[in-house]
C-alpha atoms as a PDB file:
ATOM      1  CA  MET A   1     -65.144  63.777  12.329  1.00  0.00           C
ATOM      2  CA  ASN A   2     -65.045  67.115  10.519  1.00  0.00           C
ATOM      3  CA  GLU A   3     -61.484  67.908   9.340  1.00  0.00           C
ATOM      4  CA  ILE A   4     -61.570  71.363  10.880  1.00  0.00           C
ATOM      5  CA  ASN A   5     -62.534  70.006  14.312  1.00  0.00           C
ATOM      6  CA  ARG A   6     -60.013  67.205  14.447  1.00  0.00           C
ATOM      7  CA  PRO A   7     -57.086  67.392  16.865  1.00  0.00           C
ATOM      8  CA  VAL A   8     -53.754  68.361  15.314  1.00  0.00           C
ATOM      9  CA  GLY A   9     -50.796  66.001  15.251  1.00  0.00           C
ATOM     10  CA  LEU A  10     -47.233  66.595  14.093  1.00  0.00           C
ATOM     11  CA  PHE A  11     -44.623  64.333  12.542  1.00  0.00           C
ATOM     12  CA  LEU A  12     -41.326  65.989  13.483  1.00  0.00           C
ATOM     13  CA  GLY A  13     -38.117  64.665  11.937  1.00  0.00           C
ATOM     14  CA  SER A  14     -36.547  63.820   8.617  1.00  0.00           C
ATOM     15  CA  LYS A  15     -38.891  62.285   6.081  1.00  0.00           C
ATOM     16  CA  ALA A  16     -36.648  59.231   5.809  1.00  0.00           C
ATOM     17  CA  ALA A  17     -36.568  58.626   9.567  1.00  0.00           C
ATOM     18  CA  ILE A  18     -40.335  59.103   9.943  1.00  0.00           C
ATOM     19  CA  ALA A  19     -41.013  56.765   7.000  1.00  0.00           C
ATOM     20  CA  ARG A  20     -38.767  54.078   8.501  1.00  0.00           C
ATOM     21  CA  ALA A  21     -40.449  54.169  11.902  1.00  0.00           C
ATOM     22  CA  TYR A  22     -44.058  54.793  10.873  1.00  0.00           C
ATOM     23  CA  SER A  23     -45.266  52.343   8.221  1.00  0.00           C
ATOM     24  CA  PRO A  24     -47.855  53.395   5.618  1.00  0.00           C
ATOM     25  CA  ASN A  25     -50.546  51.597   7.619  1.00  0.00           C
ATOM     26  CA  VAL A  26     -49.608  53.409  10.828  1.00  0.00           C
ATOM     27  CA  ARG A  27     -49.432  56.744   9.063  1.00  0.00           C
ATOM     28  CA  GLY A  28     -52.808  56.060   7.504  1.00  0.00           C
ATOM     29  CA  GLU A  29     -54.326  55.378  10.929  1.00  0.00           C
ATOM     30  CA  LEU A  30     -52.984  58.659  12.278  1.00  0.00           C
ATOM     31  CA  PHE A  31     -54.065  60.692   9.250  1.00  0.00           C
ATOM     32  CA  ALA A  32     -57.547  59.189   9.609  1.00  0.00           C
ATOM     33  CA  ARG A  33     -57.852  60.424  13.192  1.00  0.00           C
ATOM     34  CA  LEU A  34     -55.827  63.638  13.253  1.00  0.00           C
ATOM     35  CA  THR A  35     -55.054  66.634  11.127  1.00  0.00           C
ATOM     36  CA  MET A  36     -51.413  65.740  10.638  1.00  0.00           C
ATOM     37  CA  LEU A  37     -48.667  68.271  10.011  1.00  0.00           C
ATOM     38  CA  GLU A  38     -45.230  67.177   8.823  1.00  0.00           C
ATOM     39  CA  ARG A  39     -42.037  69.095   9.554  1.00  0.00           C
ATOM     40  CA  GLU A  40     -38.464  68.043   8.926  1.00  0.00           C
ATOM     41  CA  ARG A  41     -37.147  70.841  11.130  1.00  0.00           C
ATOM     42  CA  PHE A  42     -38.484  72.902  13.982  1.00  0.00           C
ATOM     43  CA  SER A  43     -39.088  76.617  13.482  1.00  0.00           C
ATOM     44  CA  GLU A  44     -40.179  78.964  16.270  1.00  0.00           C
ATOM     45  CA  THR A  45     -41.935  81.157  13.724  1.00  0.00           C
ATOM     46  CA  ASP A  46     -44.193  78.322  12.536  1.00  0.00           C
ATOM     47  CA  GLU A  47     -47.579  79.435  13.873  1.00  0.00           C
ATOM     48  CA  ALA A  48     -49.241  76.153  12.875  1.00  0.00           C
ATOM     49  CA  LEU A  49     -47.332  74.394  15.642  1.00  0.00           C
ATOM     50  CA  ARG A  50     -49.287  76.284  18.277  1.00  0.00           C
ATOM     51  CA  ASN A  51     -52.296  74.052  17.578  1.00  0.00           C
ATOM     52  CA  VAL A  52     -50.395  70.764  17.835  1.00  0.00           C
ATOM     53  CA  GLU A  53     -51.725  68.466  20.550  1.00  0.00           C
ATOM     54  CA  PHE A  54     -49.786  65.309  19.702  1.00  0.00           C
ATOM     55  CA  LEU A  55     -46.179  65.140  18.535  1.00  0.00           C
ATOM     56  CA  PHE A  56     -44.802  62.004  16.835  1.00  0.00           C
ATOM     57  CA  SER A  57     -41.078  61.533  16.255  1.00  0.00           C
ATOM     58  CA  THR A  58     -38.240  59.003  16.252  1.00  0.00           C
ATOM     59  CA  TRP A  59     -34.432  59.011  16.131  1.00  0.00           C
ATOM     60  CA  GLY A  60     -33.261  62.558  15.472  1.00  0.00           C
ATOM     61  CA  MET A  61     -35.870  64.158  17.728  1.00  0.00           C
ATOM     62  CA  PRO A  62     -34.615  67.671  18.593  1.00  0.00           C
ATOM     63  CA  ALA A  63     -34.264  68.792  22.188  1.00  0.00           C
ATOM     64  CA  PHE A  64     -36.337  71.772  23.351  1.00  0.00           C
ATOM     65  CA  GLY A  65     -35.957  74.173  26.248  1.00  0.00           C
ATOM     66  CA  ASP A  66     -38.747  74.968  28.689  1.00  0.00           C
ATOM     67  CA  GLU A  67     -39.478  78.339  27.122  1.00  0.00           C
ATOM     68  CA  GLU A  68     -39.497  76.919  23.572  1.00  0.00           C
ATOM     69  CA  ILE A  69     -42.098  74.353  24.575  1.00  0.00           C
ATOM     70  CA  ARG A  70     -44.321  76.890  26.290  1.00  0.00           C
ATOM     71  CA  ARG A  71     -44.053  79.362  23.440  1.00  0.00           C
ATOM     72  CA  SER A  72     -44.197  77.073  20.405  1.00  0.00           C
ATOM     73  CA  PHE A  73     -46.384  74.203  21.662  1.00  0.00           C
ATOM     74  CA  PRO A  74     -48.962  75.700  24.031  1.00  0.00           C
ATOM     75  CA  ALA A  75     -51.603  73.073  23.093  1.00  0.00           C
ATOM     76  CA  LEU A  76     -49.277  70.052  23.257  1.00  0.00           C
ATOM     77  CA  THR A  77     -50.421  67.259  25.568  1.00  0.00           C
ATOM     78  CA  ALA A  78     -48.292  64.253  24.567  1.00  0.00           C
ATOM     79  CA  VAL A  79     -45.115  63.242  22.746  1.00  0.00           C
ATOM     80  CA  PHE A  80     -44.911  59.794  21.115  1.00  0.00           C
ATOM     81  CA  TYR A  81     -41.327  58.741  20.430  1.00  0.00           C
ATOM     82  CA  ALA A  82     -40.866  55.764  18.113  1.00  0.00           C
ATOM     83  CA  ALA A  83     -37.417  54.900  19.443  1.00  0.00           C
ATOM     84  CA  GLY A  84     -35.774  53.971  22.731  1.00  0.00           C
ATOM     85  CA  SER A  85     -34.115  56.319  25.217  1.00  0.00           C
ATOM     86  CA  VAL A  86     -35.774  59.701  25.803  1.00  0.00           C
ATOM     87  CA  GLN A  87     -33.054  61.036  28.118  1.00  0.00           C
ATOM     88  CA  ALA A  88     -31.917  63.646  25.580  1.00  0.00           C
ATOM     89  CA  PHE A  89     -35.231  65.517  25.354  1.00  0.00           C
ATOM     90  CA  ALA A  90     -37.915  64.313  27.784  1.00  0.00           C
ATOM     91  CA  LYS A  91     -37.301  66.326  30.953  1.00  0.00           C
ATOM     92  CA  PRO A  92     -38.449  69.767  29.710  1.00  0.00           C
ATOM     93  CA  PHE A  93     -41.656  68.264  28.304  1.00  0.00           C
ATOM     94  CA  LEU A  94     -42.430  66.505  31.576  1.00  0.00           C
ATOM     95  CA  GLN A  95     -41.736  69.675  33.526  1.00  0.00           C
ATOM     96  CA  ASN A  96     -44.290  71.453  31.334  1.00  0.00           C
ATOM     97  CA  GLY A  97     -46.963  68.839  31.985  1.00  0.00           C
ATOM     98  CA  VAL A  98     -46.599  67.134  28.598  1.00  0.00           C
ATOM     99  CA  LYS A  99     -46.789  63.353  28.732  1.00  0.00           C
ATOM    100  CA  VAL A 100     -43.992  61.415  27.051  1.00  0.00           C
ATOM    101  CA  PHE A 101     -44.378  57.936  25.591  1.00  0.00           C
ATOM    102  CA  SER A 102     -41.445  55.917  24.304  1.00  0.00           C
ATOM    103  CA  ALA A 103     -41.202  52.756  22.241  1.00  0.00           C
ATOM    104  CA  TRP A 104     -38.449  51.505  24.535  1.00  0.00           C
ATOM    105  CA  GLY A 105     -40.455  48.342  25.095  1.00  0.00           C
ATOM    106  CA  ALA A 106     -40.626  47.666  21.355  1.00  0.00           C
ATOM    107  CA  ASN A 107     -36.964  48.571  20.860  1.00  0.00           C
ATOM    108  CA  ALA A 108     -36.034  46.247  23.710  1.00  0.00           C
ATOM    109  CA  VAL A 109     -37.340  43.211  21.821  1.00  0.00           C
ATOM    110  CA  PRO A 110     -34.593  42.903  19.158  1.00  0.00           C
ATOM    111  CA  VAL A 111     -31.897  43.778  21.718  1.00  0.00           C
ATOM    112  CA  ALA A 112     -33.107  41.008  24.008  1.00  0.00           C
ATOM    113  CA  GLU A 113     -33.379  38.576  21.088  1.00  0.00           C
ATOM    114  CA  THR A 114     -29.819  39.402  20.018  1.00  0.00           C
ATOM    115  CA  ALA A 115     -28.480  39.037  23.559  1.00  0.00           C
ATOM    116  CA  VAL A 116     -30.177  35.668  24.019  1.00  0.00           C
ATOM    117  CA  ALA A 117     -28.809  34.421  20.693  1.00  0.00           C
ATOM    118  CA  GLU A 118     -25.305  35.448  21.766  1.00  0.00           C
ATOM    119  CA  ILE A 119     -25.726  33.839  25.193  1.00  0.00           C
ATOM    120  CA  ILE A 120     -26.756  30.528  23.657  1.00  0.00           C
ATOM    121  CA  LEU A 121     -23.853  30.614  21.191  1.00  0.00           C
ATOM    122  CA  ALA A 122     -21.387  31.647  23.897  1.00  0.00           C
ATOM    123  CA  ASN A 123     -22.326  28.724  26.124  1.00  0.00           C
ATOM    124  CA  LYS A 124     -21.509  26.433  23.187  1.00  0.00           C
ATOM    125  CA  GLY A 125     -18.041  27.978  22.736  1.00  0.00           C
ATOM    126  CA  PHE A 126     -18.977  29.535  19.389  1.00  0.00           C
ATOM    127  CA  PHE A 127     -16.866  32.666  19.762  1.00  0.00           C
ATOM    128  CA  GLN A 128     -13.715  30.851  20.827  1.00  0.00           C
ATOM    129  CA  THR A 129     -13.940  28.242  18.064  1.00  0.00           C
ATOM    130  CA  VAL A 130     -15.366  30.099  15.062  1.00  0.00           C
ATOM    131  CA  HIS A 131     -11.869  31.147  13.938  1.00  0.00           C
ATOM    132  CA  HIS A 132     -10.635  27.583  13.681  1.00  0.00           C
ATOM    133  CA  GLY A 133     -12.332  26.908  10.374  1.00  0.00           C
ATOM    134  CA  GLN A 134     -10.705  30.004   8.905  1.00  0.00           C
ATOM    135  CA  ASN A 135      -7.330  28.840  10.181  1.00  0.00           C
ATOM    136  CA  GLY A 136      -7.701  25.324   8.848  1.00  0.00           C
ATOM    137  CA  GLU A 137      -7.904  23.892  12.368  1.00  0.00           C
ATOM    138  CA  TRP A 138     -10.424  21.443  13.740  1.00  0.00           C
ATOM    139  CA  PRO A 139      -9.946  21.120  17.504  1.00  0.00           C
ATOM    140  CA  GLU A 140     -11.312  18.111  19.327  1.00  0.00           C
ATOM    141  CA  HIS A 141     -13.572  18.625  22.286  1.00  0.00           C
ATOM    142  CA  ASP A 142     -14.772  16.442  25.107  1.00  0.00           C
ATOM    143  CA  CYS A 143     -18.599  16.481  25.010  1.00  0.00           C
ATOM    144  CA  GLY A 144     -18.617  20.263  24.885  1.00  0.00           C
ATOM    145  CA  ARG A 145     -15.950  20.919  27.495  1.00  0.00           C
ATOM    146  CA  PRO A 146     -14.440  23.349  28.263  1.00  0.00           C
ATOM    147  CA  PHE A 147     -17.690  25.081  27.329  1.00  0.00           C
ATOM    148  CA  PRO A 148     -20.754  24.444  29.508  1.00  0.00           C
ATOM    149  CA  GLY A 149     -23.562  24.235  26.948  1.00  0.00           C
ATOM    150  CA  ASN A 150     -27.127  25.286  27.701  1.00  0.00           C
ATOM    151  CA  TYR A 151     -28.321  22.838  30.325  1.00  0.00           C
ATOM    152  CA  ASN A 152     -28.122  23.473  34.072  1.00  0.00           C
ATOM    153  CA  THR A 153     -25.740  26.347  33.312  1.00  0.00           C
ATOM    154  CA  LYS A 154     -25.413  29.629  35.182  1.00  0.00           C
ATOM    155  CA  VAL A 155     -25.826  32.784  33.095  1.00  0.00           C
ATOM    156  CA  GLY A 156     -25.035  36.216  34.521  1.00  0.00           C
ATOM    157  CA  LEU A 157     -27.014  39.348  33.655  1.00  0.00           C
ATOM    158  CA  LEU A 158     -25.941  42.851  34.556  1.00  0.00           C
ATOM    159  CA  GLY A 159     -29.177  44.825  34.770  1.00  0.00           C
ATOM    160  CA  ALA A 160     -32.813  43.759  34.974  1.00  0.00           C
ATOM    161  CA  GLY A 161     -34.572  46.705  33.390  1.00  0.00           C
ATOM    162  CA  MET A 162     -36.812  46.391  30.347  1.00  0.00           C
ATOM    163  CA  ILE A 163     -34.219  44.598  28.193  1.00  0.00           C
ATOM    164  CA  GLY A 164     -32.781  42.499  31.007  1.00  0.00           C
ATOM    165  CA  THR A 165     -36.280  41.390  31.977  1.00  0.00           C
ATOM    166  CA  LEU A 166     -37.061  40.364  28.390  1.00  0.00           C
ATOM    167  CA  VAL A 167     -33.813  38.402  28.264  1.00  0.00           C
ATOM    168  CA  ILE A 168     -34.817  36.610  31.468  1.00  0.00           C
ATOM    169  CA  ARG A 169     -38.227  35.731  30.057  1.00  0.00           C
ATOM    170  CA  ILE A 170     -36.814  34.381  26.797  1.00  0.00           C
ATOM    171  CA  LEU A 171     -34.175  32.374  28.649  1.00  0.00           C
ATOM    172  CA  LYS A 172     -36.938  30.587  30.554  1.00  0.00           C
ATOM    173  CA  LYS A 173     -37.308  28.421  27.448  1.00  0.00           C
ATOM    174  CA  TYR A 174     -33.927  26.945  28.304  1.00  0.00           C
ATOM    175  CA  ARG A 175     -32.681  24.963  31.314  1.00  0.00           C
ATOM    176  CA  LEU A 176     -30.497  27.779  32.644  1.00  0.00           C
ATOM    177  CA  ASP A 177     -29.931  29.348  36.061  1.00  0.00           C
ATOM    178  CA  VAL A 178     -30.007  33.142  35.739  1.00  0.00           C
ATOM    179  CA  LEU A 179     -28.033  35.278  38.184  1.00  0.00           C
ATOM    180  CA  VAL A 180     -28.598  39.042  38.175  1.00  0.00           C
ATOM    181  CA  PHE A 181     -26.784  42.075  39.480  1.00  0.00           C
ATOM    182  CA  ASP A 182     -28.893  45.225  39.494  1.00  0.00           C
ATOM    183  CA  PRO A 183     -28.745  47.826  42.282  1.00  0.00           C
ATOM    184  CA  PHE A 184     -32.413  48.636  41.660  1.00  0.00           C
ATOM    185  CA  LEU A 185     -33.645  45.023  41.718  1.00  0.00           C
ATOM    186  CA  THR A 186     -35.566  44.161  44.876  1.00  0.00           C
ATOM    187  CA  GLU A 187     -35.642  40.707  46.426  1.00  0.00           C
ATOM    188  CA  GLU A 188     -39.376  40.569  45.727  1.00  0.00           C
ATOM    189  CA  ARG A 189     -38.873  41.369  42.061  1.00  0.00           C
ATOM    190  CA  ALA A 190     -36.056  38.823  41.799  1.00  0.00           C
ATOM    191  CA  LYS A 191     -38.348  36.177  43.239  1.00  0.00           C
ATOM    192  CA  GLU A 192     -41.068  37.130  40.776  1.00  0.00           C
ATOM    193  CA  LEU A 193     -38.612  36.816  37.868  1.00  0.00           C
ATOM    194  CA  GLU A 194     -37.284  33.536  39.292  1.00  0.00           C
ATOM    195  CA  VAL A 195     -33.673  34.699  39.240  1.00  0.00           C
ATOM    196  CA  THR A 196     -30.917  34.781  41.837  1.00  0.00           C
ATOM    197  CA  LYS A 197     -29.944  38.301  42.900  1.00  0.00           C
ATOM    198  CA  VAL A 198     -26.280  38.957  43.694  1.00  0.00           C
ATOM    199  CA  ASP A 199     -24.937  41.971  45.564  1.00  0.00           C
ATOM    200  CA  ARG A 200     -21.760  42.651  43.584  1.00  0.00           C
ATOM    201  CA  PRO A 201     -21.175  42.516  39.812  1.00  0.00           C
ATOM    202  CA  GLU A 202     -17.953  40.536  40.224  1.00  0.00           C
ATOM    203  CA  GLU A 203     -19.995  37.647  41.633  1.00  0.00           C
ATOM    204  CA  LEU A 204     -21.428  37.076  38.154  1.00  0.00           C
ATOM    205  CA  PHE A 205     -17.969  36.895  36.610  1.00  0.00           C
ATOM    206  CA  GLU A 206     -16.852  34.504  39.309  1.00  0.00           C
ATOM    207  CA  GLN A 207     -19.796  32.119  38.955  1.00  0.00           C
ATOM    208  CA  CYS A 208     -20.869  32.351  35.293  1.00  0.00           C
ATOM    209  CA  ALA A 209     -19.170  31.408  32.035  1.00  0.00           C
ATOM    210  CA  VAL A 210     -21.277  33.955  30.146  1.00  0.00           C
ATOM    211  CA  ILE A 211     -22.076  37.463  31.392  1.00  0.00           C
ATOM    212  CA  SER A 212     -24.379  39.803  29.445  1.00  0.00           C
ATOM    213  CA  ASN A 213     -24.492  43.545  30.140  1.00  0.00           C
ATOM    214  CA  HIS A 214     -27.797  45.451  30.207  1.00  0.00           C
ATOM    215  CA  LEU A 215     -27.034  48.166  32.752  1.00  0.00           C
ATOM    216  CA  ALA A 216     -28.485  51.611  32.172  1.00  0.00           C
ATOM    217  CA  ASP A 217     -26.006  54.346  31.253  1.00  0.00           C
ATOM    218  CA  LYS A 218     -26.077  56.448  34.432  1.00  0.00           C
ATOM    219  CA  PRO A 219     -23.361  58.349  36.321  1.00  0.00           C
ATOM    220  CA  GLN A 220     -23.373  55.675  39.034  1.00  0.00           C
ATOM    221  CA  THR A 221     -22.786  52.883  36.490  1.00  0.00           C
ATOM    222  CA  ALA A 222     -19.963  54.542  34.506  1.00  0.00           C
ATOM    223  CA  GLY A 223     -16.975  52.182  34.500  1.00  0.00           C
ATOM    224  CA  LEU A 224     -18.727  49.886  36.969  1.00  0.00           C
ATOM    225  CA  ILE A 225     -17.633  46.774  35.063  1.00  0.00           C
ATOM    226  CA  ASP A 226     -13.907  46.930  35.722  1.00  0.00           C
ATOM    227  CA  ARG A 227     -10.815  44.986  36.795  1.00  0.00           C
ATOM    228  CA  ARG A 228     -12.582  43.638  39.873  1.00  0.00           C
ATOM    229  CA  CYS A 229     -15.004  41.883  37.526  1.00  0.00           C
ATOM    230  CA  PHE A 230     -12.715  40.890  34.681  1.00  0.00           C
ATOM    231  CA  GLU A 231     -10.048  39.336  36.890  1.00  0.00           C
ATOM    232  CA  LYS A 232     -12.751  36.899  38.070  1.00  0.00           C
ATOM    233  CA  MET A 233     -13.539  35.718  34.525  1.00  0.00           C
ATOM    234  CA  GLY A 234     -13.024  32.037  33.923  1.00  0.00           C
ATOM    235  CA  ALA A 235     -10.471  30.815  31.412  1.00  0.00           C
ATOM    236  CA  ASN A 236     -13.177  30.325  28.751  1.00  0.00           C
ATOM    237  CA  ALA A 237     -15.681  32.960  29.857  1.00  0.00           C
ATOM    238  CA  VAL A 238     -17.438  35.341  27.461  1.00  0.00           C
ATOM    239  CA  PHE A 239     -18.490  38.924  28.166  1.00  0.00           C
ATOM    240  CA  LEU A 240     -21.364  40.242  26.032  1.00  0.00           C
ATOM    241  CA  ASN A 241     -22.287  43.912  25.783  1.00  0.00           C
ATOM    242  CA  THR A 242     -25.457  45.012  24.009  1.00  0.00           C
ATOM    243  CA  GLY A 243     -26.038  47.661  26.688  1.00  0.00           C
ATOM    244  CA  ARG A 244     -23.845  50.741  26.890  1.00  0.00           C
ATOM    245  CA  GLY A 245     -20.104  51.111  26.368  1.00  0.00           C
ATOM    246  CA  ARG A 246     -19.692  53.681  29.128  1.00  0.00           C
ATOM    247  CA  THR A 247     -20.524  51.126  31.823  1.00  0.00           C
ATOM    248  CA  VAL A 248     -17.327  49.190  30.973  1.00  0.00           C
ATOM    249  CA  ASN A 249     -13.741  50.070  31.868  1.00  0.00           C
ATOM    250  CA  GLU A 250     -12.348  49.302  28.448  1.00  0.00           C
ATOM    251  CA  SER A 251      -8.670  49.176  29.399  1.00  0.00           C
ATOM    252  CA  ASP A 252      -9.438  46.643  32.145  1.00  0.00           C
ATOM    253  CA  LEU A 253     -11.378  44.509  29.664  1.00  0.00           C
ATOM    254  CA  ILE A 254      -8.535  44.615  27.130  1.00  0.00           C
ATOM    255  CA  ALA A 255      -6.034  43.627  29.837  1.00  0.00           C
ATOM    256  CA  ALA A 256      -8.160  40.627  30.855  1.00  0.00           C
ATOM    257  CA  LEU A 257      -8.554  39.455  27.263  1.00  0.00           C
ATOM    258  CA  THR A 258      -4.841  39.884  26.559  1.00  0.00           C
ATOM    259  CA  GLU A 259      -3.874  38.022  29.714  1.00  0.00           C
ATOM    260  CA  GLN A 260      -6.141  35.064  28.910  1.00  0.00           C
ATOM    261  CA  PRO A 261      -6.686  34.656  25.129  1.00  0.00           C
ATOM    262  CA  THR A 262      -9.274  31.895  25.618  1.00  0.00           C
ATOM    263  CA  ARG A 263     -11.658  34.446  27.096  1.00  0.00           C
ATOM    264  CA  ALA A 264     -13.822  36.355  24.628  1.00  0.00           C
ATOM    265  CA  ALA A 265     -15.804  39.572  24.393  1.00  0.00           C
ATOM    266  CA  VAL A 266     -18.694  40.299  22.019  1.00  0.00           C
ATOM    267  CA  LEU A 267     -19.229  44.059  21.916  1.00  0.00           C
ATOM    268  CA  ASP A 268     -22.124  45.704  20.113  1.00  0.00           C
ATOM    269  CA  VAL A 269     -21.434  48.998  21.904  1.00  0.00           C
ATOM    270  CA  THR A 270     -18.253  50.811  22.934  1.00  0.00           C
ATOM    271  CA  GLU A 271     -17.250  54.190  24.342  1.00  0.00           C
ATOM    272  CA  PRO A 272     -16.600  56.040  22.114  1.00  0.00           C
ATOM    273  CA  GLU A 273     -18.535  54.386  19.340  1.00  0.00           C
ATOM    274  CA  PRO A 274     -16.898  53.275  17.134  1.00  0.00           C
ATOM    275  CA  PRO A 275     -13.567  52.769  18.925  1.00  0.00           C
ATOM    276  CA  GLN A 276     -10.803  55.150  17.925  1.00  0.00           C
ATOM    277  CA  ALA A 277      -8.276  54.076  15.308  1.00  0.00           C
ATOM    278  CA  GLY A 278      -5.527  51.927  16.764  1.00  0.00           C
ATOM    279  CA  ASN A 279      -7.681  50.573  19.568  1.00  0.00           C
ATOM    280  CA  ALA A 280      -6.696  47.037  20.572  1.00  0.00           C
ATOM    281  CA  LEU A 281     -10.340  45.989  20.257  1.00  0.00           C
ATOM    282  CA  TYR A 282      -9.834  45.989  16.477  1.00  0.00           C
ATOM    283  CA  THR A 283      -6.944  43.530  16.558  1.00  0.00           C
ATOM    284  CA  LEU A 284      -7.481  41.184  19.498  1.00  0.00           C
ATOM    285  CA  PRO A 285      -8.600  37.831  18.009  1.00  0.00           C
ATOM    286  CA  ASN A 286     -10.876  37.135  20.988  1.00  0.00           C
ATOM    287  CA  VAL A 287     -12.893  40.348  20.505  1.00  0.00           C
ATOM    288  CA  PHE A 288     -15.954  40.402  18.244  1.00  0.00           C
ATOM    289  CA  LEU A 289     -17.167  43.905  17.359  1.00  0.00           C
ATOM    290  CA  THR A 290     -20.575  44.549  15.813  1.00  0.00           C
ATOM    291  CA  PRO A 291     -21.776  48.026  14.759  1.00  0.00           C
ATOM    292  CA  HIS A 292     -24.595  48.642  17.281  1.00  0.00           C
ATOM    293  CA  LEU A 293     -26.913  46.263  15.458  1.00  0.00           C
ATOM    294  CA  ALA A 294     -28.749  44.772  18.446  1.00  0.00           C
ATOM    295  CA  GLY A 295     -31.344  47.540  18.460  1.00  0.00           C
ATOM    296  CA  SER A 296     -34.142  47.906  15.936  1.00  0.00           C
ATOM    297  CA  LEU A 297     -33.039  47.744  12.308  1.00  0.00           C
ATOM    298  CA  GLY A 298     -34.675  46.934   9.001  1.00  0.00           C
ATOM    299  CA  ASN A 299     -38.291  45.920   9.423  1.00  0.00           C
ATOM    300  CA  GLU A 300     -37.866  45.869  13.220  1.00  0.00           C
ATOM    301  CA  VAL A 301     -37.998  49.675  13.266  1.00  0.00           C
ATOM    302  CA  GLN A 302     -41.676  49.582  12.268  1.00  0.00           C
ATOM    303  CA  ARG A 303     -42.484  47.762  15.511  1.00  0.00           C
ATOM    304  CA  MET A 304     -41.701  51.015  17.323  1.00  0.00           C
ATOM    305  CA  GLY A 305     -44.068  53.094  15.208  1.00  0.00           C
ATOM    306  CA  GLU A 306     -46.823  50.534  15.736  1.00  0.00           C
ATOM    307  CA  ALA A 307     -46.203  50.673  19.478  1.00  0.00           C
ATOM    308  CA  MET A 308     -46.619  54.450  19.470  1.00  0.00           C
ATOM    309  CA  LEU A 309     -49.833  54.207  17.452  1.00  0.00           C
ATOM    310  CA  ASP A 310     -51.149  51.772  20.061  1.00  0.00           C
ATOM    311  CA  GLU A 311     -50.135  54.141  22.865  1.00  0.00           C
ATOM    312  CA  PHE A 312     -51.811  57.072  21.139  1.00  0.00           C
ATOM    313  CA  LEU A 313     -55.064  55.153  20.682  1.00  0.00           C
ATOM    314  CA  LEU A 314     -55.092  54.101  24.346  1.00  0.00           C
ATOM    315  CA  TYR A 315     -54.279  57.631  25.499  1.00  0.00           C
ATOM    316  CA  ALA A 316     -56.896  59.228  23.219  1.00  0.00           C
ATOM    317  CA  GLN A 317     -59.545  56.855  24.598  1.00  0.00           C
ATOM    318  CA  GLY A 318     -58.599  57.535  28.198  1.00  0.00           C
ATOM    319  CA  LYS A 319     -57.419  53.955  28.720  1.00  0.00           C
ATOM    320  CA  PRO A 320     -54.314  52.858  30.651  1.00  0.00           C
ATOM    321  CA  THR A 321     -51.157  53.101  28.554  1.00  0.00           C
ATOM    322  CA  ARG A 322     -48.095  50.854  28.739  1.00  0.00           C
ATOM    323  CA  TYR A 323     -45.050  52.923  27.925  1.00  0.00           C
ATOM    324  CA  GLU A 324     -45.448  56.333  29.520  1.00  0.00           C
ATOM    325  CA  VAL A 325     -42.169  57.770  30.814  1.00  0.00           C
ATOM    326  CA  THR A 326     -42.253  59.587  34.156  1.00  0.00           C
ATOM    327  CA  GLN A 327     -39.695  61.835  35.786  1.00  0.00           C
ATOM    328  CA  ALA A 328     -38.937  59.123  38.340  1.00  0.00           C
ATOM    329  CA  MET A 329     -38.247  56.636  35.576  1.00  0.00           C
ATOM    330  CA  LEU A 330     -35.620  58.924  34.020  1.00  0.00           C
ATOM    331  CA  ASP A 331     -33.512  58.431  37.131  1.00  0.00           C
ATOM    332  CA  THR A 332     -33.042  54.704  36.475  1.00  0.00           C
ATOM    333  CA  MET A 333     -33.712  53.968  32.794  1.00  0.00           C
ATOM    334  CA  ALA A 334     -31.200  54.084  29.970  1.00  0.00           C
END
C-alpha cells in the first residue's frame, strides 16, 4: 500500500508506557499497515491528529471531552486501549460514535492466575502458617485440619465478570465446589459455568473457608463486603481481594481479623491505595498486603498490546471482534 494512502494511526502516551505495552513485533505490525504518529502528550493545535483513524494507548491515556474529540479527531473510528478498565475515558468516545476496544480480557489473565494461586494456598492454610518458620515454631496438624485442602472444598467468589469467570474456568482443574455471588449473574449463566449462585454475599462467608473478591467497582458495590459478611467468617477463613478496595468496608474487616486472629486477609488492593500511614493493615499479623501486583506486570504487559493488535486486525478486516466495549457494558464492568 502506498504510504500516502495508508490509514493514519496514533500512539498516544509516554514512550516508556507505549514501549512496555506494545512489543517491537507488535509495533512493527502496526507500522507496516498504518502511517503511525507518536505523541507523548495531546495538543489541540496538532493538525496532524485530524487525520487519525485509529488511536492506540495504554495506562496513562488522557480523558477527552465531547468537543475535544469532535474538534481534534474528526476522522477517528476506533480506540485500542492496551490496559484494563476504560471507565475514565470511554464514554465521550462512544457518544461520538467511536468504537472502544480494551485489553481487559488480556489483563484479566494474570489477575485470575494470581487469585487462583492464592485460593489454592489459602485452602492449605499457607497464610496462617507461613509465619511459624520465622518465629521458630513448627505446629503439628491433623491431616491438614483445620484447613480444608483442595478436594471437595467450597470456594466462594464475589463477582463473575471477566476475571471471576476466568477464575472459575481455571479452578475446574481442581476438585472444588465454586459458589458465586454476583447481582448480575443469571441462573442460566450460573448453570453454564457450573457454579452455585447465592443471593447474598454473606452466604459465601458462612459456607466457604476461602472467599475471593472480583466485584466491579460501582456505586452499588461500594462497601458491600461489610460486617454482615465478616462476622460469618469461619475461625480459619481467608478473605482474598484482587478486585477493588472500595467494595470492602475496611474497618469491618479489621475488626473481624482482630477479633479472630486465626482468620487471614490477603489484600492486593485497598482504598485508598496504599493504605494511609498508621493503618492497622500494616501491623496485623494476619494481613498480607501486596502492592497491586495481580494485574499485568513485567512481560505480562505485552499480552495486552498483542490483544489490541489482534482486535485491530479483526476490525480492519470487518471480522467480529472480541473485546469491544459498549455503553451498556460500562454500567456493569470494572
